[in-house]
PDB file of N, CA and C in Angstrom:
ATOM      1  N   UNK A   1     -52.175 -23.738 -76.789  1.00  0.00           N
ATOM      2  CA  UNK A   1     -52.211 -25.120 -77.513  1.00  0.00           C
ATOM      3  C   UNK A   1     -50.667 -25.430 -77.412  1.00  0.00           C
ATOM      4  N   UNK A   2     -50.879 -26.521 -77.953  1.00  0.00           N
ATOM      5  CA  UNK A   2     -49.482 -27.477 -78.222  1.00  0.00           C
ATOM      6  C   UNK A   2     -49.526 -27.991 -79.683  1.00  0.00           C
ATOM      7  N   UNK A   3     -48.680 -27.529 -79.960  1.00  0.00           N
ATOM      8  CA  UNK A   3     -48.078 -27.973 -81.543  1.00  0.00           C
ATOM      9  C   UNK A   3     -47.354 -28.830 -81.573  1.00  0.00           C
ATOM     10  N   UNK A   4     -47.367 -30.532 -82.089  1.00  0.00           N
ATOM     11  CA  UNK A   4     -46.237 -31.626 -82.635  1.00  0.00           C
ATOM     12  C   UNK A   4     -45.715 -31.400 -83.403  1.00  0.00           C
ATOM     13  N   UNK A   5     -44.757 -31.020 -84.186  1.00  0.00           N
ATOM     14  CA  UNK A   5     -44.415 -30.546 -85.486  1.00  0.00           C
ATOM     15  C   UNK A   5     -43.540 -32.474 -85.897  1.00  0.00           C
ATOM     16  N   UNK A   6     -44.103 -32.821 -86.976  1.00  0.00           N
ATOM     17  CA  UNK A   6     -43.219 -34.021 -87.372  1.00  0.00           C
ATOM     18  C   UNK A   6     -42.679 -33.960 -88.772  1.00  0.00           C
ATOM     19  N   UNK A   7     -41.373 -33.882 -88.929  1.00  0.00           N
ATOM     20  CA  UNK A   7     -41.040 -34.204 -90.327  1.00  0.00           C
ATOM     21  C   UNK A   7     -40.957 -35.491 -90.682  1.00  0.00           C
ATOM     22  N   UNK A   8     -41.547 -35.643 -92.181  1.00  0.00           N
ATOM     23  CA  UNK A   8     -41.535 -37.209 -92.641  1.00  0.00           C
ATOM     24  C   UNK A   8     -41.259 -37.332 -93.729  1.00  0.00           C
ATOM     25  N   UNK A   9     -40.659 -38.380 -94.013  1.00  0.00           N
ATOM     26  CA  UNK A   9     -39.806 -38.636 -95.682  1.00  0.00           C
ATOM     27  C   UNK A   9     -40.304 -39.969 -96.154  1.00  0.00           C
ATOM     28  N   UNK A  10     -40.814 -40.320 -96.389  1.00  0.00           N
ATOM     29  CA  UNK A  10     -41.143 -42.216 -96.825  1.00  0.00           C
ATOM     30  C   UNK A  10     -41.427 -42.988 -96.015  1.00  0.00           C
ATOM     31  N   UNK A  11     -42.578 -42.442 -95.040  1.00  0.00           N
ATOM     32  CA  UNK A  11     -43.134 -43.101 -93.862  1.00  0.00           C
ATOM     33  C   UNK A  11     -44.008 -43.734 -93.907  1.00  0.00           C
ATOM     34  N   UNK A  12     -44.543 -44.395 -95.371  1.00  0.00           N
ATOM     35  CA  UNK A  12     -45.900 -44.194 -95.613  1.00  0.00           C
ATOM     36  C   UNK A  12     -46.512 -45.869 -94.526  1.00  0.00           C
ATOM     37  N   UNK A  13     -45.424 -47.041 -94.688  1.00  0.00           N
ATOM     38  CA  UNK A  13     -45.085 -48.010 -93.702  1.00  0.00           C
ATOM     39  C   UNK A  13     -45.807 -47.749 -92.269  1.00  0.00           C
ATOM     40  N   UNK A  14     -44.449 -46.895 -91.503  1.00  0.00           N
ATOM     41  CA  UNK A  14     -44.749 -46.902 -90.246  1.00  0.00           C
ATOM     42  C   UNK A  14     -45.759 -45.418 -89.649  1.00  0.00           C
ATOM     43  N   UNK A  15     -45.699 -44.926 -90.382  1.00  0.00           N
ATOM     44  CA  UNK A  15     -46.467 -43.915 -90.116  1.00  0.00           C
ATOM     45  C   UNK A  15     -48.239 -44.126 -89.420  1.00  0.00           C
ATOM     46  N   UNK A  16     -48.800 -44.697 -90.242  1.00  0.00           N
ATOM     47  CA  UNK A  16     -50.397 -44.928 -89.686  1.00  0.00           C
ATOM     48  C   UNK A  16     -50.089 -45.111 -88.245  1.00  0.00           C
ATOM     49  N   UNK A  17     -49.393 -46.334 -88.009  1.00  0.00           N
ATOM     50  CA  UNK A  17     -49.535 -46.612 -86.097  1.00  0.00           C
ATOM     51  C   UNK A  17     -48.609 -45.395 -85.498  1.00  0.00           C
ATOM     52  N   UNK A  18     -47.632 -44.933 -86.089  1.00  0.00           N
ATOM     53  CA  UNK A  18     -47.462 -43.296 -85.489  1.00  0.00           C
ATOM     54  C   UNK A  18     -48.344 -42.435 -85.054  1.00  0.00           C
ATOM     55  N   UNK A  19     -49.414 -41.984 -86.143  1.00  0.00           N
ATOM     56  CA  UNK A  19     -50.302 -40.771 -86.163  1.00  0.00           C
ATOM     57  C   UNK A  19     -51.106 -41.880 -84.845  1.00  0.00           C
ATOM     58  N   UNK A  20     -51.549 -42.795 -85.596  1.00  0.00           N
ATOM     59  CA  UNK A  20     -52.984 -42.994 -84.329  1.00  0.00           C
ATOM     60  C   UNK A  20     -52.194 -42.925 -83.068  1.00  0.00           C
ATOM     61  N   UNK A  21     -50.957 -43.614 -82.358  1.00  0.00           N
ATOM     62  CA  UNK A  21     -50.895 -43.682 -81.542  1.00  0.00           C
ATOM     63  C   UNK A  21     -50.929 -42.047 -80.549  1.00  0.00           C
ATOM     64  N   UNK A  22     -49.542 -41.766 -81.447  1.00  0.00           N
ATOM     65  CA  UNK A  22     -49.810 -40.224 -80.764  1.00  0.00           C
ATOM     66  C   UNK A  22     -50.940 -39.368 -80.387  1.00  0.00           C
ATOM     67  N   UNK A  23     -51.991 -38.807 -81.822  1.00  0.00           N
ATOM     68  CA  UNK A  23     -52.930 -39.009 -81.349  1.00  0.00           C
ATOM     69  C   UNK A  23     -53.960 -39.203 -80.347  1.00  0.00           C
ATOM     70  N   UNK A  24     -53.966 -40.575 -79.728  1.00  0.00           N
ATOM     71  CA  UNK A  24     -54.269 -41.406 -78.540  1.00  0.00           C
ATOM     72  C   UNK A  24     -54.197 -40.740 -77.666  1.00  0.00           C
ATOM     73  N   UNK A  25     -52.249 -40.365 -77.267  1.00  0.00           N
ATOM     74  CA  UNK A  25     -51.840 -40.287 -76.072  1.00  0.00           C
ATOM     75  C   UNK A  25     -52.677 -38.194 -76.310  1.00  0.00           C
ATOM     76  N   UNK A  26     -51.798 -37.546 -77.069  1.00  0.00           N
ATOM     77  CA  UNK A  26     -52.297 -36.602 -77.036  1.00  0.00           C
ATOM     78  C   UNK A  26     -54.119 -36.672 -76.400  1.00  0.00           C
ATOM     79  N   UNK A  27     -54.839 -37.182 -77.073  1.00  0.00           N
ATOM     80  CA  UNK A  27     -56.515 -37.074 -76.714  1.00  0.00           C
ATOM     81  C   UNK A  27     -56.181 -37.291 -75.190  1.00  0.00           C
ATOM     82  N   UNK A  28     -55.789 -37.665 -74.400  1.00  0.00           N
ATOM     83  CA  UNK A  28     -55.862 -37.863 -73.147  1.00  0.00           C
ATOM     84  C   UNK A  28     -55.800 -37.011 -72.524  1.00  0.00           C
ATOM     85  N   UNK A  29     -54.354 -36.073 -72.515  1.00  0.00           N
ATOM     86  CA  UNK A  29     -54.538 -34.753 -72.398  1.00  0.00           C
ATOM     87  C   UNK A  29     -55.604 -33.651 -72.341  1.00  0.00           C
ATOM     88  N   UNK A  30     -55.156 -32.761 -71.115  1.00  0.00           N
ATOM     89  CA  UNK A  30     -56.308 -31.649 -71.162  1.00  0.00           C
ATOM     90  C   UNK A  30     -56.212 -30.797 -71.493  1.00  0.00           C
ATOM     91  N   UNK A  31     -55.919 -30.514 -72.607  1.00  0.00           N
ATOM     92  CA  UNK A  31     -55.294 -29.188 -73.608  1.00  0.00           C
ATOM     93  C   UNK A  31     -55.740 -29.795 -75.063  1.00  0.00           C
ATOM     94  N   UNK A  32     -55.412 -27.951 -75.405  1.00  0.00           N
ATOM     95  CA  UNK A  32     -55.704 -28.026 -76.727  1.00  0.00           C
ATOM     96  C   UNK A  32     -54.449 -28.361 -77.744  1.00  0.00           C
ATOM     97  N   UNK A  33     -54.745 -28.874 -78.658  1.00  0.00           N
ATOM     98  CA  UNK A  33     -53.433 -29.028 -79.557  1.00  0.00           C
ATOM     99  C   UNK A  33     -53.536 -29.609 -80.790  1.00  0.00           C
ATOM    100  N   UNK A  34     -52.671 -29.597 -81.623  1.00  0.00           N
ATOM    101  CA  UNK A  34     -52.334 -29.540 -82.778  1.00  0.00           C
ATOM    102  C   UNK A  34     -51.280 -30.631 -83.480  1.00  0.00           C
ATOM    103  N   UNK A  35     -51.514 -31.441 -84.450  1.00  0.00           N
ATOM    104  CA  UNK A  35     -49.708 -32.270 -85.484  1.00  0.00           C
ATOM    105  C   UNK A  35     -50.110 -31.597 -86.473  1.00  0.00           C
ATOM    106  N   UNK A  36     -49.139 -30.958 -86.631  1.00  0.00           N
ATOM    107  CA  UNK A  36     -48.343 -31.052 -87.809  1.00  0.00           C
ATOM    108  C   UNK A  36     -46.753 -31.828 -88.397  1.00  0.00           C
ATOM    109  N   UNK A  37     -47.887 -32.547 -89.422  1.00  0.00           N
ATOM    110  CA  UNK A  37     -46.937 -33.235 -90.158  1.00  0.00           C
ATOM    111  C   UNK A  37     -46.510 -32.522 -91.386  1.00  0.00           C
ATOM    112  N   UNK A  38     -44.960 -32.831 -91.449  1.00  0.00           N
ATOM    113  CA  UNK A  38     -44.537 -32.045 -92.736  1.00  0.00           C
ATOM    114  C   UNK A  38     -44.104 -33.281 -93.700  1.00  0.00           C
ATOM    115  N   UNK A  39     -44.567 -33.424 -95.109  1.00  0.00           N
ATOM    116  CA  UNK A  39     -44.102 -34.764 -95.980  1.00  0.00           C
ATOM    117  C   UNK A  39     -42.935 -33.336 -96.320  1.00  0.00           C
ATOM    118  N   UNK A  40     -41.871 -34.118 -96.513  1.00  0.00           N
ATOM    119  CA  UNK A  40     -40.436 -33.538 -96.980  1.00  0.00           C
ATOM    120  C   UNK A  40     -40.013 -34.192 -98.369  1.00  0.00           C
ATOM    121  N   UNK A  41     -41.615 -34.218 -99.434  1.00  0.00           N
ATOM    122  CA  UNK A  41     -40.922 -34.400-100.785  1.00  0.00           C
ATOM    123  C   UNK A  41     -40.917 -35.967-101.110  1.00  0.00           C
ATOM    124  N   UNK A  42     -41.545 -36.513-100.252  1.00  0.00           N
ATOM    125  CA  UNK A  42     -42.135 -38.355-100.020  1.00  0.00           C
ATOM    126  C   UNK A  42     -42.261 -38.360-101.379  1.00  0.00           C
ATOM    127  N   UNK A  43     -41.688 -39.822-102.071  1.00  0.00           N
ATOM    128  CA  UNK A  43     -42.054 -40.447-103.572  1.00  0.00           C
ATOM    129  C   UNK A  43     -42.980 -41.951-103.096  1.00  0.00           C
ATOM    130  N   UNK A  44     -43.203 -41.984-102.012  1.00  0.00           N
ATOM    131  CA  UNK A  44     -44.133 -43.380-101.831  1.00  0.00           C
ATOM    132  C   UNK A  44     -45.371 -42.409-101.327  1.00  0.00           C
ATOM    133  N   UNK A  45     -46.638 -43.132-101.000  1.00  0.00           N
ATOM    134  CA  UNK A  45     -47.881 -43.184-100.456  1.00  0.00           C
ATOM    135  C   UNK A  45     -48.189 -42.553 -99.184  1.00  0.00           C
ATOM    136  N   UNK A  46     -47.013 -41.529 -98.679  1.00  0.00           N
ATOM    137  CA  UNK A  46     -47.074 -40.627 -97.125  1.00  0.00           C
ATOM    138  C   UNK A  46     -48.214 -39.379 -97.570  1.00  0.00           C
ATOM    139  N   UNK A  47     -47.659 -38.916 -98.194  1.00  0.00           N
ATOM    140  CA  UNK A  47     -48.479 -37.687 -98.326  1.00  0.00           C
ATOM    141  C   UNK A  47     -50.104 -37.541 -98.871  1.00  0.00           C
ATOM    142  N   UNK A  48     -50.255 -39.251 -99.394  1.00  0.00           N
ATOM    143  CA  UNK A  48     -51.689 -39.431 -99.322  1.00  0.00           C
ATOM    144  C   UNK A  48     -52.296 -40.404 -98.020  1.00  0.00           C
ATOM    145  N   UNK A  49     -51.801 -40.656 -97.510  1.00  0.00           N
ATOM    146  CA  UNK A  49     -52.433 -41.371 -96.336  1.00  0.00           C
ATOM    147  C   UNK A  49     -52.457 -39.894 -95.569  1.00  0.00           C
ATOM    148  N   UNK A  50     -51.351 -39.038 -95.264  1.00  0.00           N
ATOM    149  CA  UNK A  50     -51.438 -37.899 -94.495  1.00  0.00           C
ATOM    150  C   UNK A  50     -52.881 -36.829 -94.881  1.00  0.00           C
ATOM    151  N   UNK A  51     -52.918 -36.823 -95.895  1.00  0.00           N
ATOM    152  CA  UNK A  51     -54.173 -35.988 -96.687  1.00  0.00           C
ATOM    153  C   UNK A  51     -55.487 -36.612 -95.886  1.00  0.00           C
ATOM    154  N   UNK A  52     -55.284 -37.826 -96.397  1.00  0.00           N
ATOM    155  CA  UNK A  52     -56.704 -38.702 -95.951  1.00  0.00           C
ATOM    156  C   UNK A  52     -56.974 -38.654 -94.633  1.00  0.00           C
ATOM    157  N   UNK A  53     -55.722 -39.159 -93.896  1.00  0.00           N
ATOM    158  CA  UNK A  53     -56.196 -38.930 -92.248  1.00  0.00           C
ATOM    159  C   UNK A  53     -56.501 -37.565 -91.782  1.00  0.00           C
ATOM    160  N   UNK A  54     -56.112 -36.772 -92.611  1.00  0.00           N
ATOM    161  CA  UNK A  54     -56.340 -35.368 -91.855  1.00  0.00           C
ATOM    162  C   UNK A  54     -57.473 -35.049 -92.128  1.00  0.00           C
ATOM    163  N   UNK A  55     -58.650 -35.316 -93.185  1.00  0.00           N
ATOM    164  CA  UNK A  55     -59.623 -35.512 -93.618  1.00  0.00           C
ATOM    165  C   UNK A  55     -60.722 -35.945 -92.472  1.00  0.00           C
ATOM    166  N   UNK A  56     -60.575 -36.692 -91.497  1.00  0.00           N
ATOM    167  CA  UNK A  56     -60.885 -37.402 -90.581  1.00  0.00           C
ATOM    168  C   UNK A  56     -60.439 -36.996 -89.288  1.00  0.00           C
ATOM    169  N   UNK A  57     -59.349 -35.802 -89.094  1.00  0.00           N
ATOM    170  CA  UNK A  57     -58.643 -36.275 -88.132  1.00  0.00           C
ATOM    171  C   UNK A  57     -58.511 -34.480 -87.540  1.00  0.00           C
ATOM    172  N   UNK A  58     -59.924 -33.819 -86.988  1.00  0.00           N
ATOM    173  CA  UNK A  58     -59.507 -32.177 -86.953  1.00  0.00           C
ATOM    174  C   UNK A  58     -57.988 -31.681 -86.590  1.00  0.00           C
ATOM    175  N   UNK A  59     -57.547 -32.676 -85.528  1.00  0.00           N
ATOM    176  CA  UNK A  59     -56.166 -31.950 -84.742  1.00  0.00           C
ATOM    177  C   UNK A  59     -55.234 -32.323 -85.697  1.00  0.00           C
ATOM    178  N   UNK A  60     -55.148 -32.762 -86.859  1.00  0.00           N
ATOM    179  CA  UNK A  60     -54.092 -33.253 -87.694  1.00  0.00           C
ATOM    180  C   UNK A  60     -54.168 -32.010 -89.167  1.00  0.00           C
ATOM    181  N   UNK A  61     -52.407 -31.711 -89.022  1.00  0.00           N
ATOM    182  CA  UNK A  61     -52.416 -30.646 -90.151  1.00  0.00           C
ATOM    183  C   UNK A  61     -51.500 -31.269 -90.568  1.00  0.00           C
ATOM    184  N   UNK A  62     -51.333 -31.167 -92.452  1.00  0.00           N
ATOM    185  CA  UNK A  62     -50.475 -31.110 -93.113  1.00  0.00           C
ATOM    186  C   UNK A  62     -49.497 -30.430 -93.995  1.00  0.00           C
ATOM    187  N   UNK A  63     -48.310 -30.294 -94.077  1.00  0.00           N
ATOM    188  CA  UNK A  63     -47.849 -29.519 -95.221  1.00  0.00           C
ATOM    189  C   UNK A  63     -46.978 -30.407 -96.407  1.00  0.00           C
ATOM    190  N   UNK A  64     -47.266 -30.079 -97.673  1.00  0.00           N
ATOM    191  CA  UNK A  64     -46.214 -31.090 -98.313  1.00  0.00           C
ATOM    192  C   UNK A  64     -45.604 -30.264 -98.984  1.00  0.00           C
ATOM    193  N   UNK A  65     -44.055 -30.477 -99.057  1.00  0.00           N
ATOM    194  CA  UNK A  65     -43.041 -29.731 -99.716  1.00  0.00           C
ATOM    195  C   UNK A  65     -42.916 -30.172-100.692  1.00  0.00           C
ATOM    196  N   UNK A  66     -42.366 -29.139-102.052  1.00  0.00           N
ATOM    197  CA  UNK A  66     -42.525 -29.743-103.511  1.00  0.00           C
ATOM    198  C   UNK A  66     -41.247 -30.625-103.840  1.00  0.00           C
ATOM    199  N   UNK A  67     -40.228 -30.825-102.888  1.00  0.00           N
ATOM    200  CA  UNK A  67     -39.142 -31.870-102.912  1.00  0.00           C
ATOM    201  C   UNK A  67     -38.922 -31.347-101.556  1.00  0.00           C
ATOM    202  N   UNK A  68     -37.267 -32.586-101.537  1.00  0.00           N
ATOM    203  CA  UNK A  68     -36.824 -33.203-100.238  1.00  0.00           C
ATOM    204  C   UNK A  68     -35.895 -31.618-100.265  1.00  0.00           C
ATOM    205  N   UNK A  69     -36.413 -31.172 -98.849  1.00  0.00           N
ATOM    206  CA  UNK A  69     -35.721 -29.990 -98.507  1.00  0.00           C
ATOM    207  C   UNK A  69     -34.451 -30.599 -97.114  1.00  0.00           C
ATOM    208  N   UNK A  70     -34.835 -31.949 -96.932  1.00  0.00           N
ATOM    209  CA  UNK A  70     -33.981 -32.013 -95.665  1.00  0.00           C
ATOM    210  C   UNK A  70     -34.791 -31.860 -94.028  1.00  0.00           C
ATOM    211  N   UNK A  71     -34.283 -32.615 -93.321  1.00  0.00           N
ATOM    212  CA  UNK A  71     -35.081 -32.594 -91.789  1.00  0.00           C
ATOM    213  C   UNK A  71     -35.448 -31.664 -91.217  1.00  0.00           C
ATOM    214  N   UNK A  72     -33.817 -29.954 -91.005  1.00  0.00           N
ATOM    215  CA  UNK A  72     -34.447 -29.171 -90.440  1.00  0.00           C
ATOM    216  C   UNK A  72     -34.985 -27.910 -91.138  1.00  0.00           C
ATOM    217  N   UNK A  73     -35.096 -28.369 -92.514  1.00  0.00           N
ATOM    218  CA  UNK A  73     -36.026 -27.166 -93.034  1.00  0.00           C
ATOM    219  C   UNK A  73     -37.540 -27.826 -93.100  1.00  0.00           C
ATOM    220  N   UNK A  74     -37.728 -28.820 -93.251  1.00  0.00           N
ATOM    221  CA  UNK A  74     -39.376 -29.409 -92.872  1.00  0.00           C
ATOM    222  C   UNK A  74     -39.406 -29.162 -91.487  1.00  0.00           C
ATOM    223  N   UNK A  75     -38.774 -29.391 -90.323  1.00  0.00           N
ATOM    224  CA  UNK A  75     -39.041 -28.998 -89.653  1.00  0.00           C
ATOM    225  C   UNK A  75     -39.152 -27.559 -89.367  1.00  0.00           C
ATOM    226  N   UNK A  76     -38.416 -26.489 -89.452  1.00  0.00           N
ATOM    227  CA  UNK A  76     -38.423 -25.340 -89.605  1.00  0.00           C
ATOM    228  C   UNK A  76     -39.978 -24.492 -90.211  1.00  0.00           C
ATOM    229  N   UNK A  77     -40.065 -24.787 -91.598  1.00  0.00           N
ATOM    230  CA  UNK A  77     -41.621 -25.058 -92.571  1.00  0.00           C
ATOM    231  C   UNK A  77     -42.959 -25.599 -91.337  1.00  0.00           C
ATOM    232  N   UNK A  78     -43.012 -26.528 -90.344  1.00  0.00           N
ATOM    233  CA  UNK A  78     -43.563 -26.999 -89.217  1.00  0.00           C
ATOM    234  C   UNK A  78     -44.124 -25.739 -88.291  1.00  0.00           C
ATOM    235  N   UNK A  79     -42.637 -25.470 -87.763  1.00  0.00           N
ATOM    236  CA  UNK A  79     -42.682 -24.777 -86.654  1.00  0.00           C
ATOM    237  C   UNK A  79     -43.446 -23.051 -87.098  1.00  0.00           C
ATOM    238  N   UNK A  80     -42.891 -23.038 -87.947  1.00  0.00           N
ATOM    239  CA  UNK A  80     -43.434 -21.484 -89.143  1.00  0.00           C
ATOM    240  C   UNK A  80     -44.955 -21.799 -89.324  1.00  0.00           C
ATOM    241  N   UNK A  81     -45.504 -22.994 -89.240  1.00  0.00           N
ATOM    242  CA  UNK A  81     -46.985 -22.913 -89.083  1.00  0.00           C
ATOM    243  C   UNK A  81     -47.958 -23.479 -88.103  1.00  0.00           C
ATOM    244  N   UNK A  82     -46.911 -23.421 -86.988  1.00  0.00           N
ATOM    245  CA  UNK A  82     -47.811 -23.898 -85.673  1.00  0.00           C
ATOM    246  C   UNK A  82     -48.378 -22.793 -85.155  1.00  0.00           C
ATOM    247  N   UNK A  83     -49.476 -22.991 -84.541  1.00  0.00           N
ATOM    248  CA  UNK A  83     -50.077 -22.425 -83.588  1.00  0.00           C
ATOM    249  C   UNK A  83     -49.789 -21.957 -82.008  1.00  0.00           C
ATOM    250  N   UNK A  84     -49.495 -22.973 -81.733  1.00  0.00           N
ATOM    251  CA  UNK A  84     -49.121 -23.445 -80.100  1.00  0.00           C
ATOM    252  C   UNK A  84     -47.801 -22.872 -79.570  1.00  0.00           C
TER     253      UNK A  84
END
């Protein structure tokens, strides 16, 4: 299994296109995969978008941190949860 971990912070505007494009490319590969988005305490609609999108996309997982811990800590949280 391939795990892709992406920390995000206040990415409400760019995230829909990025998530769709990433999943489209991964679905073309002949392997099992998961995409883990780690919301690093966003104050916009990033987390709401991810949770809604994850309901319709089985390859997508969302981790929501209680506040902004920084890029490296968000990445570590995602890697710790990764199955691949």
